[in-house]
Amino acid sequence: MISPRAILLLALLACTDPKLGAFTMPRDLENVRTRLLPFVEGHDVAEARALLRDHGFQCAAPMPSATDAHAHLCSAKVADAGWSRWTIVLIERRGRVADVQAR
C-alpha cells in the first residue's frame, strides 16, 4: 500500500512545471517543429517572434486571414547560417501560438 506521504509527494511532483533547457536550432529541418513547439505553443505571439529573432530569424507582419488563425512567416536573417533557406511559420489563434510549421 502507498503511504499518504508518498501520494502527497507524487501529487507535488505532478503539479510542477518541467524545466526546459535553452532552445537551440536543430541541424535538420525535420526537427524544427519538435524542438520549437514546447517553447512557443500557447505563448503570446510577440514572445515567440522575439525568441526567433534572438536565434537569427526575422518575422514578417501576420498574413491576413478570413478566419481567426493568422500566419507569421519567419525567415533567416543571416545568409550563411545552416538554416538560411528555412521558413518557420507561426500559426496564431487569438493572439497565441497554436502551431508551428517549418519549410
N, C-alpha and C. Protein backbone atom coordinates (compact mmCIF):
# COMPACT_ATOMS: atom_id res chain seq x y z
N MET A 1 0.84 -1.19 0.00
CA MET A 1 0.00 0.00 0.00
C MET A 1 0.88 1.25 0.00
N ILE A 2 0.43 2.27 -0.69
CA ILE A 2 1.18 3.51 -0.80
C ILE A 2 0.84 4.41 0.38
N SER A 3 1.84 4.96 0.99
CA SER A 3 1.64 5.82 2.16
C SER A 3 1.08 7.18 1.74
N PRO A 4 0.40 7.85 2.64
CA PRO A 4 -0.12 9.19 2.32
C PRO A 4 1.00 10.18 1.98
N ARG A 5 2.15 10.00 2.59
CA ARG A 5 3.28 10.89 2.30
C ARG A 5 3.74 10.69 0.84
N ALA A 6 3.79 9.44 0.39
CA ALA A 6 4.20 9.16 -0.99
C ALA A 6 3.19 9.74 -1.98
N ILE A 7 1.91 9.66 -1.66
CA ILE A 7 0.87 10.22 -2.52
C ILE A 7 1.03 11.74 -2.60
N LEU A 8 1.30 12.37 -1.46
CA LEU A 8 1.50 13.81 -1.43
C LEU A 8 2.72 14.22 -2.28
N LEU A 9 3.80 13.48 -2.16
CA LEU A 9 5.00 13.78 -2.93
C LEU A 9 4.77 13.58 -4.43
N LEU A 10 4.06 12.53 -4.80
CA LEU A 10 3.74 12.31 -6.21
C LEU A 10 2.84 13.42 -6.76
N ALA A 11 1.88 13.85 -5.97
CA ALA A 11 0.99 14.94 -6.40
C ALA A 11 1.77 16.24 -6.57
N LEU A 12 2.68 16.50 -5.65
CA LEU A 12 3.50 17.69 -5.74
C LEU A 12 4.39 17.64 -6.98
N LEU A 13 4.97 16.50 -7.25
CA LEU A 13 5.82 16.34 -8.43
C LEU A 13 5.02 16.49 -9.72
N ALA A 14 3.81 15.98 -9.73
CA ALA A 14 2.97 16.06 -10.93
C ALA A 14 2.52 17.49 -11.22
N CYS A 15 2.46 18.33 -10.22
CA CYS A 15 1.98 19.71 -10.39
C CYS A 15 3.09 20.70 -10.74
N THR A 16 4.33 20.29 -10.72
CA THR A 16 5.42 21.21 -11.03
C THR A 16 5.65 21.26 -12.53
N ASP A 17 6.05 22.41 -13.00
CA ASP A 17 6.36 22.58 -14.42
C ASP A 17 7.74 22.01 -14.71
N PRO A 18 7.87 21.24 -15.79
CA PRO A 18 9.20 20.75 -16.13
C PRO A 18 10.07 21.90 -16.62
N LYS A 19 11.33 21.85 -16.33
CA LYS A 19 12.26 22.89 -16.78
C LYS A 19 12.73 22.57 -18.19
N LEU A 20 12.56 23.53 -19.08
CA LEU A 20 13.06 23.37 -20.44
C LEU A 20 14.47 23.94 -20.49
N GLY A 21 15.32 23.27 -21.20
CA GLY A 21 16.67 23.80 -21.38
C GLY A 21 16.63 24.97 -22.35
N ALA A 22 17.77 25.51 -22.65
CA ALA A 22 17.84 26.61 -23.61
C ALA A 22 17.53 26.09 -25.01
N PHE A 23 16.82 26.90 -25.78
CA PHE A 23 16.48 26.50 -27.14
C PHE A 23 17.71 26.62 -28.03
N THR A 24 17.95 25.58 -28.81
CA THR A 24 19.00 25.61 -29.83
C THR A 24 18.38 25.18 -31.15
N MET A 25 18.81 25.81 -32.21
CA MET A 25 18.27 25.49 -33.52
C MET A 25 18.81 24.13 -33.97
N PRO A 26 17.92 23.23 -34.37
CA PRO A 26 18.38 21.90 -34.81
C PRO A 26 19.09 21.99 -36.15
N ARG A 27 19.83 20.94 -36.46
CA ARG A 27 20.56 20.90 -37.74
C ARG A 27 19.65 20.52 -38.90
N ASP A 28 18.63 19.71 -38.62
CA ASP A 28 17.74 19.22 -39.67
C ASP A 28 16.39 19.92 -39.62
N LEU A 29 15.88 20.24 -40.80
CA LEU A 29 14.58 20.90 -40.91
C LEU A 29 13.46 20.06 -40.29
N GLU A 30 13.58 18.74 -40.39
CA GLU A 30 12.54 17.85 -39.86
C GLU A 30 12.38 17.96 -38.35
N ASN A 31 13.39 18.46 -37.66
CA ASN A 31 13.35 18.52 -36.19
C ASN A 31 12.95 19.89 -35.65
N VAL A 32 12.74 20.86 -36.52
CA VAL A 32 12.44 22.22 -36.06
C VAL A 32 11.14 22.26 -35.27
N ARG A 33 10.08 21.71 -35.81
CA ARG A 33 8.78 21.76 -35.12
C ARG A 33 8.85 21.07 -33.76
N THR A 34 9.48 19.89 -33.72
CA THR A 34 9.57 19.13 -32.48
C THR A 34 10.33 19.91 -31.41
N ARG A 35 11.39 20.58 -31.81
CA ARG A 35 12.21 21.29 -30.83
C ARG A 35 11.62 22.64 -30.46
N LEU A 36 10.98 23.34 -31.40
CA LEU A 36 10.48 24.69 -31.16
C LEU A 36 9.12 24.72 -30.46
N LEU A 37 8.26 23.78 -30.75
CA LEU A 37 6.88 23.80 -30.25
C LEU A 37 6.77 23.89 -28.72
N PRO A 38 7.56 23.15 -27.93
CA PRO A 38 7.42 23.29 -26.47
C PRO A 38 7.78 24.69 -25.96
N PHE A 39 8.57 25.44 -26.70
CA PHE A 39 8.97 26.77 -26.27
C PHE A 39 7.97 27.85 -26.63
N VAL A 40 7.12 27.62 -27.64
CA VAL A 40 6.23 28.69 -28.11
C VAL A 40 4.75 28.36 -28.05
N GLU A 41 4.36 27.11 -28.04
CA GLU A 41 2.93 26.76 -28.08
C GLU A 41 2.21 27.31 -26.86
N GLY A 42 1.14 28.04 -27.12
CA GLY A 42 0.34 28.62 -26.05
C GLY A 42 0.86 29.95 -25.54
N HIS A 43 2.03 30.36 -26.00
CA HIS A 43 2.60 31.63 -25.58
C HIS A 43 2.13 32.74 -26.50
N ASP A 44 2.28 33.97 -26.04
CA ASP A 44 1.94 35.13 -26.84
C ASP A 44 2.80 35.15 -28.11
N VAL A 45 2.22 35.59 -29.22
CA VAL A 45 2.94 35.60 -30.50
C VAL A 45 4.17 36.50 -30.42
N ALA A 46 4.08 37.61 -29.71
CA ALA A 46 5.22 38.52 -29.60
C ALA A 46 6.41 37.83 -28.93
N GLU A 47 6.14 36.99 -27.93
CA GLU A 47 7.22 36.23 -27.27
C GLU A 47 7.87 35.25 -28.24
N ALA A 48 7.05 34.57 -29.03
CA ALA A 48 7.58 33.61 -30.00
C ALA A 48 8.40 34.30 -31.08
N ARG A 49 7.92 35.45 -31.54
CA ARG A 49 8.67 36.21 -32.54
C ARG A 49 10.00 36.69 -31.97
N ALA A 50 10.00 37.10 -30.71
CA ALA A 50 11.24 37.55 -30.06
C ALA A 50 12.23 36.39 -29.93
N LEU A 51 11.73 35.20 -29.60
CA LEU A 51 12.61 34.03 -29.50
C LEU A 51 13.26 33.73 -30.85
N LEU A 52 12.47 33.77 -31.91
CA LEU A 52 13.03 33.53 -33.24
C LEU A 52 13.98 34.65 -33.66
N ARG A 53 13.66 35.88 -33.30
CA ARG A 53 14.56 36.99 -33.62
C ARG A 53 15.91 36.80 -32.90
N ASP A 54 15.87 36.33 -31.67
CA ASP A 54 17.11 36.08 -30.92
C ASP A 54 17.94 34.96 -31.53
N HIS A 55 17.31 34.12 -32.34
CA HIS A 55 18.01 32.99 -32.96
C HIS A 55 18.24 33.22 -34.46
N GLY A 56 18.22 34.47 -34.89
CA GLY A 56 18.61 34.80 -36.26
C GLY A 56 17.50 34.78 -37.29
N PHE A 57 16.25 34.89 -36.88
CA PHE A 57 15.14 34.91 -37.83
C PHE A 57 14.45 36.27 -37.77
N GLN A 58 13.89 36.65 -38.89
CA GLN A 58 13.13 37.88 -38.98
C GLN A 58 11.71 37.52 -39.39
N CYS A 59 10.73 37.98 -38.63
CA CYS A 59 9.33 37.63 -38.89
C CYS A 59 8.61 38.79 -39.56
N ALA A 60 7.86 38.48 -40.59
CA ALA A 60 7.05 39.49 -41.28
C ALA A 60 5.75 39.70 -40.52
N ALA A 61 5.04 40.74 -40.89
CA ALA A 61 3.73 41.01 -40.28
C ALA A 61 2.80 39.84 -40.58
N PRO A 62 1.83 39.59 -39.71
CA PRO A 62 0.94 38.45 -39.95
C PRO A 62 0.16 38.60 -41.25
N MET A 63 -0.02 37.47 -41.91
CA MET A 63 -0.77 37.47 -43.17
C MET A 63 -2.26 37.60 -42.86
N PRO A 64 -3.01 38.33 -43.69
CA PRO A 64 -4.45 38.46 -43.45
C PRO A 64 -5.13 37.10 -43.62
N SER A 65 -6.20 36.91 -42.88
CA SER A 65 -6.90 35.64 -42.91
C SER A 65 -8.39 35.87 -42.73
N ALA A 66 -9.19 35.03 -43.37
CA ALA A 66 -10.64 35.10 -43.21
C ALA A 66 -11.09 34.44 -41.91
N THR A 67 -10.20 33.66 -41.31
CA THR A 67 -10.52 33.02 -40.04
C THR A 67 -9.75 33.71 -38.93
N ASP A 68 -9.84 33.19 -37.72
CA ASP A 68 -9.10 33.81 -36.62
C ASP A 68 -7.66 33.30 -36.53
N ALA A 69 -7.22 32.47 -37.47
CA ALA A 69 -5.85 31.96 -37.49
C ALA A 69 -5.01 32.80 -38.46
N HIS A 70 -3.93 33.35 -37.96
CA HIS A 70 -3.04 34.16 -38.78
C HIS A 70 -1.68 33.48 -38.85
N ALA A 71 -1.00 33.61 -39.99
CA ALA A 71 0.31 33.01 -40.17
C ALA A 71 1.38 34.09 -40.14
N HIS A 72 2.42 33.85 -39.35
CA HIS A 72 3.57 34.74 -39.27
C HIS A 72 4.73 34.02 -39.94
N LEU A 73 5.22 34.54 -41.08
CA LEU A 73 6.33 33.92 -41.79
C LEU A 73 7.65 34.48 -41.26
N CYS A 74 8.54 33.58 -40.86
CA CYS A 74 9.83 33.98 -40.32
C CYS A 74 10.93 33.33 -41.16
N SER A 75 11.88 34.14 -41.61
CA SER A 75 12.99 33.62 -42.41
C SER A 75 14.31 34.07 -41.79
N ALA A 76 15.37 33.36 -42.14
CA ALA A 76 16.68 33.63 -41.56
C ALA A 76 17.22 34.98 -42.02
N LYS A 77 17.83 35.72 -41.08
CA LYS A 77 18.45 37.00 -41.41
C LYS A 77 19.84 36.81 -42.00
N VAL A 78 20.56 35.78 -41.54
CA VAL A 78 21.95 35.56 -41.96
C VAL A 78 21.97 34.55 -43.10
N ALA A 79 22.59 34.93 -44.21
CA ALA A 79 22.59 34.08 -45.39
C ALA A 79 23.48 32.84 -45.25
N ASP A 80 24.52 32.90 -44.42
CA ASP A 80 25.43 31.76 -44.32
C ASP A 80 25.10 30.82 -43.17
N ALA A 81 23.99 31.04 -42.51
CA ALA A 81 23.58 30.14 -41.42
C ALA A 81 23.15 28.80 -42.01
N GLY A 82 23.24 27.74 -41.23
CA GLY A 82 22.85 26.42 -41.70
C GLY A 82 21.37 26.33 -42.03
N TRP A 83 20.60 27.24 -41.52
CA TRP A 83 19.16 27.24 -41.74
C TRP A 83 18.73 28.44 -42.58
N SER A 84 19.60 28.96 -43.42
CA SER A 84 19.32 30.19 -44.16
C SER A 84 18.18 30.05 -45.16
N ARG A 85 17.88 28.84 -45.60
CA ARG A 85 16.79 28.64 -46.57
C ARG A 85 15.49 28.20 -45.91
N TRP A 86 15.49 28.10 -44.61
CA TRP A 86 14.30 27.65 -43.90
C TRP A 86 13.31 28.79 -43.71
N THR A 87 12.05 28.44 -43.71
CA THR A 87 10.97 29.36 -43.35
C THR A 87 10.19 28.72 -42.22
N ILE A 88 10.06 29.44 -41.14
CA ILE A 88 9.28 28.95 -40.00
C ILE A 88 7.98 29.75 -39.97
N VAL A 89 6.87 29.04 -39.88
CA VAL A 89 5.55 29.67 -39.87
C VAL A 89 4.93 29.47 -38.49
N LEU A 90 4.62 30.58 -37.84
CA LEU A 90 3.91 30.53 -36.57
C LEU A 90 2.43 30.72 -36.85
N ILE A 91 1.61 29.78 -36.45
CA ILE A 91 0.17 29.87 -36.64
C ILE A 91 -0.43 30.44 -35.36
N GLU A 92 -1.07 31.60 -35.49
CA GLU A 92 -1.62 32.32 -34.34
C GLU A 92 -3.13 32.18 -34.30
N ARG A 93 -3.63 31.90 -33.13
CA ARG A 93 -5.08 31.92 -32.88
C ARG A 93 -5.32 32.68 -31.59
N ARG A 94 -6.13 33.72 -31.68
CA ARG A 94 -6.47 34.56 -30.53
C ARG A 94 -5.23 35.11 -29.81
N GLY A 95 -4.23 35.50 -30.58
CA GLY A 95 -3.05 36.13 -30.01
C GLY A 95 -2.00 35.18 -29.46
N ARG A 96 -2.25 33.88 -29.54
CA ARG A 96 -1.32 32.88 -29.01
C ARG A 96 -0.88 31.94 -30.14
N VAL A 97 0.30 31.36 -29.97
CA VAL A 97 0.81 30.43 -30.97
C VAL A 97 0.09 29.10 -30.80
N ALA A 98 -0.55 28.64 -31.87
CA ALA A 98 -1.28 27.38 -31.84
C ALA A 98 -0.50 26.26 -32.48
N ASP A 99 0.37 26.59 -33.46
CA ASP A 99 1.14 25.55 -34.14
C ASP A 99 2.34 26.18 -34.81
N VAL A 100 3.27 25.32 -35.21
CA VAL A 100 4.50 25.74 -35.89
C VAL A 100 4.69 24.84 -37.10
N GLN A 101 5.07 25.44 -38.22
CA GLN A 101 5.44 24.67 -39.40
C GLN A 101 6.81 25.14 -39.85
N ALA A 102 7.57 24.25 -40.45
CA ALA A 102 8.90 24.61 -40.95
C ALA A 102 9.04 24.08 -42.37
N ARG A 103 9.57 24.93 -43.23
CA ARG A 103 9.78 24.54 -44.63
C ARG A 103 11.14 24.98 -45.08
